[in-house]
Amino acid sequence: MNKQTTKRVITLLLVAVISIGIWFFEQKSTTDVPKVFSSEFTLTVLGLDKADCIILQRGNTVVLIDGGESSDAGDVVGFLLAQKITHIDVMIATHPHSDHIGGLDDILNEESIAVDALLTPDIPEDEIADSVLVRNFNQAVIDSGVQKLSCEPGDVYDINGDIKLTVLGPIGKDHSDLNGWSAVVRADCGDVSVLFTGDTIVAEEERMLQNPQIAALLDCDILKVAHHASTTSSSMNFLKAVSAEIALITARADADDEYLMETVIGRLTELGSKIYDTRHNGRITCTQNDGHLDVNTQKTEK
């Protein structure tokens, strides 16, 4: 190889190295720049005993996601009234397990609270075991006259221009238990996005990931971690797709839960999510403050 050819090769190599360096710097800079938020909202996760009850507010719009156990009903109704919430635009019942719909009949029957619409999966009757819990819920839905909304993947509901709800799941219709029927709903509050997952299962997560239109909507700022951070949900692939800045877990403060949750918490930690759970933090409130997501807790972990 002559000197001229050698110089040309060295020059090309230098150009390639510089180009790669510039590309890497741009990618890294883009990744490292924190997202700045402008939309006002309030997301409250009630500190119940391993049960889900979440309230999303923006402007005068209120969305309630699940209602805890029947034994939680007094606390849930009391909190709503203490916050002067007397009107719920959409109630989401993710699936008919007691730790999700147990308190919803009391809310529907509460004269001081009006509920406009109910979003819940259309589960075949033979999939739901007959129980007092289910009968009470169904009767309250009938007595209240609440409007039932379709809960199929791709359904979109724009509520007063404040909150947009997009149904992402369930996709499958062949589940062996009710957790697989959980409604998975993305909520957009302006430029803040929240993913509610109920107790969805890994098989449903895979279905969502394999659907291009739905997979594109999984990336969210805040994640309500499915099924109390059990490994029946929250595969690494799914958590990577969501890439949440904040992860919220409803869980009981006992040794069994510590053991069951550590795998999913490890995955979230590896991905850099800030993790909060009701076992240590009690009630959790997320808001936007000075362009950033702000989290306040009822109690501070020692």
C-alpha atoms as a PDB file:
ATOM      1  CA  MET A   1       0.000   0.000   0.000  1.00  0.00           C
ATOM      2  CA  ASN A   2       1.522   3.330  -1.029  1.00  0.00           C
ATOM      3  CA  LYS A   3       1.642   6.423   1.150  1.00  0.00           C
ATOM      4  CA  GLN A   4      -1.183   8.171  -0.695  1.00  0.00           C
ATOM      5  CA  THR A   5      -3.504   5.187  -0.282  1.00  0.00           C
ATOM      6  CA  THR A   6      -2.553   4.864   3.386  1.00  0.00           C
ATOM      7  CA  LYS A   7      -3.368   8.539   4.005  1.00  0.00           C
ATOM      8  CA  ARG A   8      -6.724   8.121   2.252  1.00  0.00           C
ATOM      9  CA  VAL A   9      -7.595   5.095   4.432  1.00  0.00           C
ATOM     10  CA  ILE A  10      -6.564   6.922   7.610  1.00  0.00           C
ATOM     11  CA  THR A  11      -8.658   9.943   6.602  1.00  0.00           C
ATOM     12  CA  LEU A  12     -11.701   7.759   5.935  1.00  0.00           C
ATOM     13  CA  LEU A  13     -11.252   6.022   9.291  1.00  0.00           C
ATOM     14  CA  LEU A  14     -11.013   9.362  11.092  1.00  0.00           C
ATOM     15  CA  VAL A  15     -14.175  10.605   9.374  1.00  0.00           C
ATOM     16  CA  ALA A  16     -15.969   7.399  10.374  1.00  0.00           C
ATOM     17  CA  VAL A  17     -14.809   7.662  13.987  1.00  0.00           C
ATOM     18  CA  ILE A  18     -15.833  11.325  14.202  1.00  0.00           C
ATOM     19  CA  SER A  19     -19.242  10.577  12.634  1.00  0.00           C
ATOM     20  CA  ILE A  20     -19.871   7.730  15.072  1.00  0.00           C
ATOM     21  CA  GLY A  21     -18.787   9.962  17.940  1.00  0.00           C
ATOM     22  CA  ILE A  22     -21.167  12.729  16.892  1.00  0.00           C
ATOM     23  CA  TRP A  23     -24.035  10.238  16.475  1.00  0.00           C
ATOM     24  CA  PHE A  24     -23.351   8.692  19.891  1.00  0.00           C
ATOM     25  CA  PHE A  25     -23.185  12.133  21.532  1.00  0.00           C
ATOM     26  CA  GLU A  26     -26.466  13.174  19.927  1.00  0.00           C
ATOM     27  CA  GLN A  27     -28.147   9.941  20.998  1.00  0.00           C
ATOM     28  CA  LYS A  28     -26.798  10.230  24.529  1.00  0.00           C
ATOM     29  CA  SER A  29     -27.720  13.902  24.765  1.00  0.00           C
ATOM     30  CA  THR A  30     -31.260  13.189  23.581  1.00  0.00           C
ATOM     31  CA  THR A  31     -31.601  10.351  26.085  1.00  0.00           C
ATOM     32  CA  ASP A  32     -30.197  12.339  28.996  1.00  0.00           C
ATOM     33  CA  VAL A  33     -32.420  15.396  28.512  1.00  0.00           C
ATOM     34  CA  PRO A  34     -35.274  15.068  31.035  1.00  0.00           C
ATOM     35  CA  LYS A  35     -38.795  15.557  29.769  1.00  0.00           C
ATOM     36  CA  VAL A  36     -40.373  18.835  30.809  1.00  0.00           C
ATOM     37  CA  PHE A  37     -44.080  18.731  31.628  1.00  0.00           C
ATOM     38  CA  SER A  38     -46.601  21.553  31.447  1.00  0.00           C
ATOM     39  CA  SER A  39     -49.971  19.932  32.215  1.00  0.00           C
ATOM     40  CA  GLU A  40     -51.560  20.186  35.640  1.00  0.00           C
ATOM     41  CA  PHE A  41     -53.006  16.935  36.993  1.00  0.00           C
ATOM     42  CA  THR A  42     -53.393  14.972  40.225  1.00  0.00           C
ATOM     43  CA  LEU A  43     -53.049  11.200  40.515  1.00  0.00           C
ATOM     44  CA  THR A  44     -53.826   9.674  43.908  1.00  0.00           C
ATOM     45  CA  VAL A  45     -53.229   6.050  44.866  1.00  0.00           C
ATOM     46  CA  LEU A  46     -55.058   5.312  48.112  1.00  0.00           C
ATOM     47  CA  GLY A  47     -53.092   3.477  50.784  1.00  0.00           C
ATOM     48  CA  LEU A  48     -55.329   0.430  51.096  1.00  0.00           C
ATOM     49  CA  ASP A  49     -54.311  -3.057  52.206  1.00  0.00           C
ATOM     50  CA  LYS A  50     -53.195  -4.631  48.917  1.00  0.00           C
ATOM     51  CA  ALA A  51     -56.185  -3.324  46.983  1.00  0.00           C
ATOM     52  CA  ASP A  52     -56.431  -0.874  44.098  1.00  0.00           C
ATOM     53  CA  CYS A  53     -58.196   2.462  44.204  1.00  0.00           C
ATOM     54  CA  ILE A  54     -56.783   5.307  42.132  1.00  0.00           C
ATOM     55  CA  ILE A  55     -58.180   8.760  41.387  1.00  0.00           C
ATOM     56  CA  LEU A  56     -57.048  10.768  38.360  1.00  0.00           C
ATOM     57  CA  GLN A  57     -58.023  14.444  38.161  1.00  0.00           C
ATOM     58  CA  ARG A  58     -57.432  17.197  35.643  1.00  0.00           C
ATOM     59  CA  GLY A  59     -59.439  20.365  35.562  1.00  0.00           C
ATOM     60  CA  ASN A  60     -62.938  19.405  36.667  1.00  0.00           C
ATOM     61  CA  THR A  61     -62.633  15.897  35.223  1.00  0.00           C
ATOM     62  CA  VAL A  62     -62.361  12.857  37.501  1.00  0.00           C
ATOM     63  CA  VAL A  63     -61.574   9.258  36.565  1.00  0.00           C
ATOM     64  CA  LEU A  64     -61.759   6.568  39.247  1.00  0.00           C
ATOM     65  CA  ILE A  65     -59.846   3.335  38.687  1.00  0.00           C
ATOM     66  CA  ASP A  66     -61.130   0.482  40.877  1.00  0.00           C
ATOM     67  CA  GLY A  67     -62.548   0.803  44.394  1.00  0.00           C
ATOM     68  CA  GLY A  68     -60.650  -1.475  46.770  1.00  0.00           C
ATOM     69  CA  GLU A  69     -62.212  -4.219  48.887  1.00  0.00           C
ATOM     70  CA  SER A  70     -65.749  -4.028  50.281  1.00  0.00           C
ATOM     71  CA  SER A  71     -64.171  -3.308  53.660  1.00  0.00           C
ATOM     72  CA  ASP A  72     -62.430  -0.267  52.129  1.00  0.00           C
ATOM     73  CA  ALA A  73     -65.653   1.323  50.874  1.00  0.00           C
ATOM     74  CA  GLY A  74     -66.094   3.650  53.852  1.00  0.00           C
ATOM     75  CA  ASP A  75     -62.539   4.957  53.537  1.00  0.00           C
ATOM     76  CA  VAL A  76     -62.834   5.393  49.772  1.00  0.00           C
ATOM     77  CA  VAL A  77     -66.167   7.245  49.900  1.00  0.00           C
ATOM     78  CA  GLY A  78     -64.906   9.286  52.845  1.00  0.00           C
ATOM     79  CA  PHE A  79     -61.781  10.325  50.931  1.00  0.00           C
ATOM     80  CA  LEU A  80     -63.769  11.302  47.838  1.00  0.00           C
ATOM     81  CA  LEU A  81     -66.152  13.464  49.845  1.00  0.00           C
ATOM     82  CA  ALA A  82     -63.301  14.986  51.889  1.00  0.00           C
ATOM     83  CA  GLN A  83     -61.714  16.026  48.573  1.00  0.00           C
ATOM     84  CA  LYS A  84     -65.081  17.467  47.502  1.00  0.00           C
ATOM     85  CA  ILE A  85     -65.321  14.932  44.679  1.00  0.00           C
ATOM     86  CA  THR A  86     -69.047  14.536  44.085  1.00  0.00           C
ATOM     87  CA  HIS A  87     -68.905  13.789  40.364  1.00  0.00           C
ATOM     88  CA  ILE A  88     -66.964  11.024  38.614  1.00  0.00           C
ATOM     89  CA  ASP A  89     -66.845  11.235  34.831  1.00  0.00           C
ATOM     90  CA  VAL A  90     -65.623   7.685  34.245  1.00  0.00           C
ATOM     91  CA  MET A  91     -65.349   4.761  36.661  1.00  0.00           C
ATOM     92  CA  ILE A  92     -62.984   2.029  35.471  1.00  0.00           C
ATOM     93  CA  ALA A  93     -63.555  -1.449  36.915  1.00  0.00           C
ATOM     94  CA  THR A  94     -60.496  -3.313  35.658  1.00  0.00           C
ATOM     95  CA  HIS A  95     -61.789  -6.815  36.480  1.00  0.00           C
ATOM     96  CA  PRO A  96     -64.210  -8.432  38.944  1.00  0.00           C
ATOM     97  CA  HIS A  97     -61.909  -9.421  41.793  1.00  0.00           C
ATOM     98  CA  SER A  98     -62.754  -8.258  45.304  1.00  0.00           C
ATOM     99  CA  ASP A  99     -59.611  -6.121  45.732  1.00  0.00           C
ATOM    100  CA  HIS A 100     -60.598  -4.083  42.672  1.00  0.00           C
ATOM    101  CA  ILE A 101     -64.399  -3.815  42.558  1.00  0.00           C
ATOM    102  CA  GLY A 102     -65.277  -4.537  46.201  1.00  0.00           C
ATOM    103  CA  GLY A 103     -66.027  -0.911  47.064  1.00  0.00           C
ATOM    104  CA  LEU A 104     -67.463   0.231  43.739  1.00  0.00           C
ATOM    105  CA  ASP A 105     -71.077  -0.661  44.552  1.00  0.00           C
ATOM    106  CA  ASP A 106     -70.954   1.649  47.580  1.00  0.00           C
ATOM    107  CA  ILE A 107     -69.682   4.487  45.388  1.00  0.00           C
ATOM    108  CA  LEU A 108     -72.389   3.859  42.793  1.00  0.00           C
ATOM    109  CA  ASN A 109     -75.015   3.766  45.554  1.00  0.00           C
ATOM    110  CA  GLU A 110     -73.707   6.887  47.324  1.00  0.00           C
ATOM    111  CA  GLU A 111     -76.294   9.649  46.825  1.00  0.00           C
ATOM    112  CA  SER A 112     -73.684  12.385  47.203  1.00  0.00           C
ATOM    113  CA  ILE A 113     -71.594  11.100  44.285  1.00  0.00           C
ATOM    114  CA  ALA A 114     -72.747  11.011  40.647  1.00  0.00           C
ATOM    115  CA  VAL A 115     -71.040   8.621  38.220  1.00  0.00           C
ATOM    116  CA  ASP A 116     -71.536   9.261  34.494  1.00  0.00           C
ATOM    117  CA  ALA A 117     -69.959   6.245  32.818  1.00  0.00           C
ATOM    118  CA  LEU A 118     -68.485   2.822  33.540  1.00  0.00           C
ATOM    119  CA  LEU A 119     -65.571   1.330  31.594  1.00  0.00           C
ATOM    120  CA  THR A 120     -65.126  -2.388  32.252  1.00  0.00           C
ATOM    121  CA  PRO A 121     -64.285  -5.418  30.086  1.00  0.00           C
ATOM    122  CA  ASP A 122     -67.158  -7.402  28.611  1.00  0.00           C
ATOM    123  CA  ILE A 123     -66.366 -10.760  30.214  1.00  0.00           C
ATOM    124  CA  PRO A 124     -68.520 -13.805  29.342  1.00  0.00           C
ATOM    125  CA  GLU A 125     -70.831 -14.681  32.219  1.00  0.00           C
ATOM    126  CA  ASP A 126     -69.560 -18.251  32.414  1.00  0.00           C
ATOM    127  CA  GLU A 127     -66.076 -16.860  33.168  1.00  0.00           C
ATOM    128  CA  ILE A 128     -67.272 -15.059  36.310  1.00  0.00           C
ATOM    129  CA  ALA A 129     -68.112 -17.089  39.398  1.00  0.00           C
ATOM    130  CA  ASP A 130     -71.412 -16.114  40.974  1.00  0.00           C
ATOM    131  CA  SER A 131     -70.857 -14.296  44.266  1.00  0.00           C
ATOM    132  CA  VAL A 132     -72.402 -11.680  46.518  1.00  0.00           C
ATOM    133  CA  LEU A 133     -69.633  -9.324  45.407  1.00  0.00           C
ATOM    134  CA  VAL A 134     -70.496  -9.623  41.713  1.00  0.00           C
ATOM    135  CA  ARG A 135     -74.255  -9.516  42.313  1.00  0.00           C
ATOM    136  CA  ASN A 136     -73.929  -6.346  44.425  1.00  0.00           C
ATOM    137  CA  PHE A 137     -71.777  -4.677  41.780  1.00  0.00           C
ATOM    138  CA  ASN A 138     -74.081  -5.605  38.905  1.00  0.00           C
ATOM    139  CA  GLN A 139     -77.150  -4.450  40.825  1.00  0.00           C
ATOM    140  CA  ALA A 140     -75.515  -1.123  41.675  1.00  0.00           C
ATOM    141  CA  VAL A 141     -74.695  -0.614  37.980  1.00  0.00           C
ATOM    142  CA  ILE A 142     -78.349  -1.204  37.093  1.00  0.00           C
ATOM    143  CA  ASP A 143     -79.762   0.931  39.915  1.00  0.00           C
ATOM    144  CA  SER A 144     -77.429   3.863  39.230  1.00  0.00           C
ATOM    145  CA  GLY A 145     -78.260   3.990  35.523  1.00  0.00           C
ATOM    146  CA  VAL A 146     -74.577   4.582  34.740  1.00  0.00           C
ATOM    147  CA  GLN A 147     -73.684   4.487  31.034  1.00  0.00           C
ATOM    148  CA  LYS A 148     -71.618   1.424  30.101  1.00  0.00           C
ATOM    149  CA  LEU A 149     -68.783   2.145  27.679  1.00  0.00           C
ATOM    150  CA  SER A 150     -67.234  -0.288  25.228  1.00  0.00           C
ATOM    151  CA  CYS A 151     -63.896  -1.630  26.484  1.00  0.00           C
ATOM    152  CA  GLU A 152     -62.222  -3.006  23.366  1.00  0.00           C
ATOM    153  CA  PRO A 153     -58.589  -2.399  22.336  1.00  0.00           C
ATOM    154  CA  GLY A 154     -58.444   0.824  20.346  1.00  0.00           C
ATOM    155  CA  ASP A 155     -61.480   2.451  21.984  1.00  0.00           C
ATOM    156  CA  VAL A 156     -60.723   6.105  22.751  1.00  0.00           C
ATOM    157  CA  TYR A 157     -62.650   8.448  25.049  1.00  0.00           C
ATOM    158  CA  ASP A 158     -61.853  12.170  25.214  1.00  0.00           C
ATOM    159  CA  ILE A 159     -63.316  13.418  28.479  1.00  0.00           C
ATOM    160  CA  ASN A 160     -64.039  17.134  28.468  1.00  0.00           C
ATOM    161  CA  GLY A 161     -60.754  17.786  26.656  1.00  0.00           C
ATOM    162  CA  ASP A 162     -58.965  17.116  29.964  1.00  0.00           C
ATOM    163  CA  ILE A 163     -58.212  13.392  29.927  1.00  0.00           C
ATOM    164  CA  LYS A 164     -58.043  11.011  26.975  1.00  0.00           C
ATOM    165  CA  LEU A 165     -58.531   7.326  27.761  1.00  0.00           C
ATOM    166  CA  THR A 166     -57.314   4.694  25.298  1.00  0.00           C
ATOM    167  CA  VAL A 167     -58.110   1.027  25.862  1.00  0.00           C
ATOM    168  CA  LEU A 168     -55.095  -1.214  25.151  1.00  0.00           C
ATOM    169  CA  GLY A 169     -56.356  -4.487  26.590  1.00  0.00           C
ATOM    170  CA  PRO A 170     -57.521  -7.099  27.143  1.00  0.00           C
ATOM    171  CA  ILE A 171     -56.770  -8.463  23.688  1.00  0.00           C
ATOM    172  CA  GLY A 172     -57.144 -12.198  24.256  1.00  0.00           C
ATOM    173  CA  LYS A 173     -60.441 -13.960  24.933  1.00  0.00           C
ATOM    174  CA  ASP A 174     -59.057 -17.270  26.209  1.00  0.00           C
ATOM    175  CA  HIS A 175     -57.961 -16.559  29.756  1.00  0.00           C
ATOM    176  CA  SER A 176     -57.881 -19.181  32.474  1.00  0.00           C
ATOM    177  CA  ASP A 177     -58.463 -16.617  35.240  1.00  0.00           C
ATOM    178  CA  LEU A 178     -59.994 -13.169  35.602  1.00  0.00           C
ATOM    179  CA  ASN A 179     -56.651 -11.366  35.886  1.00  0.00           C
ATOM    180  CA  GLY A 180     -56.108 -11.939  32.183  1.00  0.00           C
ATOM    181  CA  TRP A 181     -59.345 -10.054  31.474  1.00  0.00           C
ATOM    182  CA  SER A 182     -58.035  -6.905  33.189  1.00  0.00           C
ATOM    183  CA  ALA A 183     -58.667  -3.633  31.400  1.00  0.00           C
ATOM    184  CA  VAL A 184     -55.387  -1.982  30.444  1.00  0.00           C
ATOM    185  CA  VAL A 185     -55.976   1.712  29.880  1.00  0.00           C
ATOM    186  CA  ARG A 186     -53.672   4.557  28.903  1.00  0.00           C
ATOM    187  CA  ALA A 187     -54.655   8.000  30.205  1.00  0.00           C
ATOM    188  CA  ASP A 188     -53.255  11.153  28.603  1.00  0.00           C
ATOM    189  CA  CYS A 189     -53.513  14.300  30.706  1.00  0.00           C
ATOM    190  CA  GLY A 190     -52.084  16.824  28.290  1.00  0.00           C
ATOM    191  CA  ASP A 191     -48.395  15.904  28.058  1.00  0.00           C
ATOM    192  CA  VAL A 192     -48.486  13.487  31.024  1.00  0.00           C
ATOM    193  CA  SER A 193     -49.300   9.834  30.300  1.00  0.00           C
ATOM    194  CA  VAL A 194     -50.318   7.135  32.780  1.00  0.00           C
ATOM    195  CA  LEU A 195     -50.739   3.399  32.187  1.00  0.00           C
ATOM    196  CA  PHE A 196     -53.253   1.504  34.333  1.00  0.00           C
ATOM    197  CA  THR A 197     -52.797  -2.254  34.153  1.00  0.00           C
ATOM    198  CA  GLY A 198     -55.137  -3.859  36.700  1.00  0.00           C
ATOM    199  CA  ASP A 199     -53.826  -7.392  37.271  1.00  0.00           C
ATOM    200  CA  THR A 200     -52.991  -8.129  33.639  1.00  0.00           C
ATOM    201  CA  ILE A 201     -50.814 -11.160  32.953  1.00  0.00           C
ATOM    202  CA  VAL A 202     -47.613 -11.814  31.000  1.00  0.00           C
ATOM    203  CA  ALA A 203     -49.523 -13.461  28.122  1.00  0.00           C
ATOM    204  CA  GLU A 204     -51.570 -10.283  27.665  1.00  0.00           C
ATOM    205  CA  GLU A 205     -48.420  -8.155  27.855  1.00  0.00           C
ATOM    206  CA  GLU A 206     -46.991 -10.214  24.989  1.00  0.00           C
ATOM    207  CA  ARG A 207     -50.150  -9.707  22.934  1.00  0.00           C
ATOM    208  CA  MET A 208     -49.913  -5.952  23.455  1.00  0.00           C
ATOM    209  CA  LEU A 209     -46.232  -5.943  22.481  1.00  0.00           C
ATOM    210  CA  GLN A 210     -46.999  -7.904  19.305  1.00  0.00           C
ATOM    211  CA  ASN A 211     -49.690  -5.459  18.188  1.00  0.00           C
ATOM    212  CA  PRO A 212     -47.873  -2.504  16.538  1.00  0.00           C
ATOM    213  CA  GLN A 213     -50.655   0.021  17.160  1.00  0.00           C
ATOM    214  CA  ILE A 214     -50.946  -0.895  20.831  1.00  0.00           C
ATOM    215  CA  ALA A 215     -47.214  -1.356  21.415  1.00  0.00           C
ATOM    216  CA  ALA A 216     -46.673   2.211  20.200  1.00  0.00           C
ATOM    217  CA  LEU A 217     -48.881   3.477  23.045  1.00  0.00           C
ATOM    218  CA  LEU A 218     -47.224   1.583  25.910  1.00  0.00           C
ATOM    219  CA  ASP A 219     -44.470   4.152  26.523  1.00  0.00           C
ATOM    220  CA  CYS A 220     -45.804   6.187  29.462  1.00  0.00           C
ATOM    221  CA  ASP A 221     -44.537   8.540  32.153  1.00  0.00           C
ATOM    222  CA  ILE A 222     -46.273   6.818  35.075  1.00  0.00           C
ATOM    223  CA  LEU A 223     -47.040   3.102  35.450  1.00  0.00           C
ATOM    224  CA  LYS A 224     -49.437   1.470  37.884  1.00  0.00           C
ATOM    225  CA  VAL A 225     -47.552  -1.791  38.217  1.00  0.00           C
ATOM    226  CA  ALA A 226     -49.793  -4.787  37.538  1.00  0.00           C
ATOM    227  CA  HIS A 227     -50.947  -7.307  40.150  1.00  0.00           C
ATOM    228  CA  HIS A 228     -49.178  -5.772  43.146  1.00  0.00           C
ATOM    229  CA  ALA A 229     -45.766  -6.325  41.462  1.00  0.00           C
ATOM    230  CA  SER A 230     -46.216 -10.086  41.215  1.00  0.00           C
ATOM    231  CA  THR A 231     -44.201 -11.958  38.572  1.00  0.00           C
ATOM    232  CA  THR A 232     -47.459 -13.101  36.949  1.00  0.00           C
ATOM    233  CA  SER A 233     -47.115  -9.679  35.271  1.00  0.00           C
ATOM    234  CA  SER A 234     -44.415  -7.121  34.477  1.00  0.00           C
ATOM    235  CA  SER A 235     -42.089  -9.005  32.150  1.00  0.00           C
ATOM    236  CA  MET A 236     -38.850  -7.191  31.402  1.00  0.00           C
ATOM    237  CA  ASN A 237     -39.867  -6.712  27.766  1.00  0.00           C
ATOM    238  CA  PHE A 238     -43.120  -5.075  28.817  1.00  0.00           C
ATOM    239  CA  LEU A 239     -41.473  -2.809  31.403  1.00  0.00           C
ATOM    240  CA  LYS A 240     -38.874  -1.753  28.826  1.00  0.00           C
ATOM    241  CA  ALA A 241     -41.638  -0.826  26.392  1.00  0.00           C
ATOM    242  CA  VAL A 242     -43.397   1.258  29.046  1.00  0.00           C
ATOM    243  CA  SER A 243     -40.124   2.824  30.290  1.00  0.00           C
ATOM    244  CA  ALA A 244     -41.944   4.680  33.065  1.00  0.00           C
ATOM    245  CA  GLU A 245     -40.285   7.471  35.007  1.00  0.00           C
ATOM    246  CA  ILE A 246     -42.464   6.609  38.014  1.00  0.00           C
ATOM    247  CA  ALA A 247     -43.760   3.162  39.020  1.00  0.00           C
ATOM    248  CA  LEU A 248     -46.575   2.843  41.570  1.00  0.00           C
ATOM    249  CA  ILE A 249     -47.310  -0.397  43.446  1.00  0.00           C
ATOM    250  CA  THR A 250     -50.264  -1.334  45.643  1.00  0.00           C
ATOM    251  CA  ALA A 251     -49.074  -3.895  48.192  1.00  0.00           C
ATOM    252  CA  ARG A 252     -49.346  -5.163  51.752  1.00  0.00           C
ATOM    253  CA  ALA A 253     -46.461  -4.619  54.169  1.00  0.00           C
ATOM    254  CA  ASP A 254     -45.550  -8.203  55.042  1.00  0.00           C
ATOM    255  CA  ALA A 255     -42.674 -10.604  54.467  1.00  0.00           C
ATOM    256  CA  ASP A 256     -44.495 -12.634  51.812  1.00  0.00           C
ATOM    257  CA  ASP A 257     -45.059  -9.565  49.669  1.00  0.00           C
ATOM    258  CA  GLU A 258     -41.423  -8.480  50.093  1.00  0.00           C
ATOM    259  CA  TYR A 259     -40.336 -11.824  48.647  1.00  0.00           C
ATOM    260  CA  LEU A 260     -42.917 -11.898  45.837  1.00  0.00           C
ATOM    261  CA  MET A 261     -42.189  -8.317  44.739  1.00  0.00           C
ATOM    262  CA  GLU A 262     -38.400  -8.297  44.741  1.00  0.00           C
ATOM    263  CA  THR A 263     -38.023  -9.633  41.173  1.00  0.00           C
ATOM    264  CA  VAL A 264     -40.257  -6.987  39.593  1.00  0.00           C
ATOM    265  CA  ILE A 265     -38.802  -4.244  41.784  1.00  0.00           C
ATOM    266  CA  GLY A 266     -35.357  -5.355  40.606  1.00  0.00           C
ATOM    267  CA  ARG A 267     -36.440  -5.009  36.982  1.00  0.00           C
ATOM    268  CA  LEU A 268     -37.877  -1.535  37.569  1.00  0.00           C
ATOM    269  CA  THR A 269     -34.729  -0.479  39.418  1.00  0.00           C
ATOM    270  CA  GLU A 270     -32.560  -1.702  36.544  1.00  0.00           C
ATOM    271  CA  LEU A 271     -34.639   0.404  34.139  1.00  0.00           C
ATOM    272  CA  GLY A 272     -34.258   3.510  36.298  1.00  0.00           C
ATOM    273  CA  SER A 273     -37.885   3.946  37.377  1.00  0.00           C
ATOM    274  CA  LYS A 274     -38.602   5.727  40.647  1.00  0.00           C
ATOM    275  CA  ILE A 275     -40.610   3.244  42.699  1.00  0.00           C
ATOM    276  CA  TYR A 276     -43.289   3.987  45.285  1.00  0.00           C
ATOM    277  CA  ASP A 277     -45.538   1.492  47.045  1.00  0.00           C
ATOM    278  CA  THR A 278     -48.434   1.751  49.449  1.00  0.00           C
ATOM    279  CA  ARG A 279     -46.868  -0.682  51.957  1.00  0.00           C
ATOM    280  CA  HIS A 280     -44.127   1.826  52.826  1.00  0.00           C
ATOM    281  CA  ASN A 281     -45.516   5.096  51.512  1.00  0.00           C
ATOM    282  CA  GLY A 282     -49.232   4.871  52.297  1.00  0.00           C
ATOM    283  CA  ARG A 283     -51.281   7.167  50.078  1.00  0.00           C
ATOM    284  CA  ILE A 284     -49.279   8.367  47.058  1.00  0.00           C
ATOM    285  CA  THR A 285     -50.009  11.585  45.160  1.00  0.00           C
ATOM    286  CA  CYS A 286     -48.412  12.532  41.832  1.00  0.00           C
ATOM    287  CA  THR A 287     -48.601  16.045  40.384  1.00  0.00           C
ATOM    288  CA  GLN A 288     -46.708  18.282  38.000  1.00  0.00           C
ATOM    289  CA  ASN A 289     -44.525  20.918  39.657  1.00  0.00           C
ATOM    290  CA  ASP A 290     -42.277  23.372  37.827  1.00  0.00           C
ATOM    291  CA  GLY A 291     -42.055  21.136  34.775  1.00  0.00           C
ATOM    292  CA  HIS A 292     -41.296  17.947  36.683  1.00  0.00           C
ATOM    293  CA  LEU A 293     -43.340  15.061  38.043  1.00  0.00           C
ATOM    294  CA  ASP A 294     -43.654  15.480  41.792  1.00  0.00           C
ATOM    295  CA  VAL A 295     -44.542  12.657  44.199  1.00  0.00           C
ATOM    296  CA  ASN A 296     -45.832  13.189  47.730  1.00  0.00           C
ATOM    297  CA  THR A 297     -46.447  10.322  50.135  1.00  0.00           C
ATOM    298  CA  GLN A 298     -48.545   9.950  53.236  1.00  0.00           C
ATOM    299  CA  LYS A 299     -45.612   8.560  55.159  1.00  0.00           C
ATOM    300  CA  THR A 300     -41.859   8.495  54.642  1.00  0.00           C
ATOM    301  CA  GLU A 301     -40.079   5.151  54.482  1.00  0.00           C
ATOM    302  CA  LYS A 302     -37.675   4.693  57.379  1.00  0.00           C
END
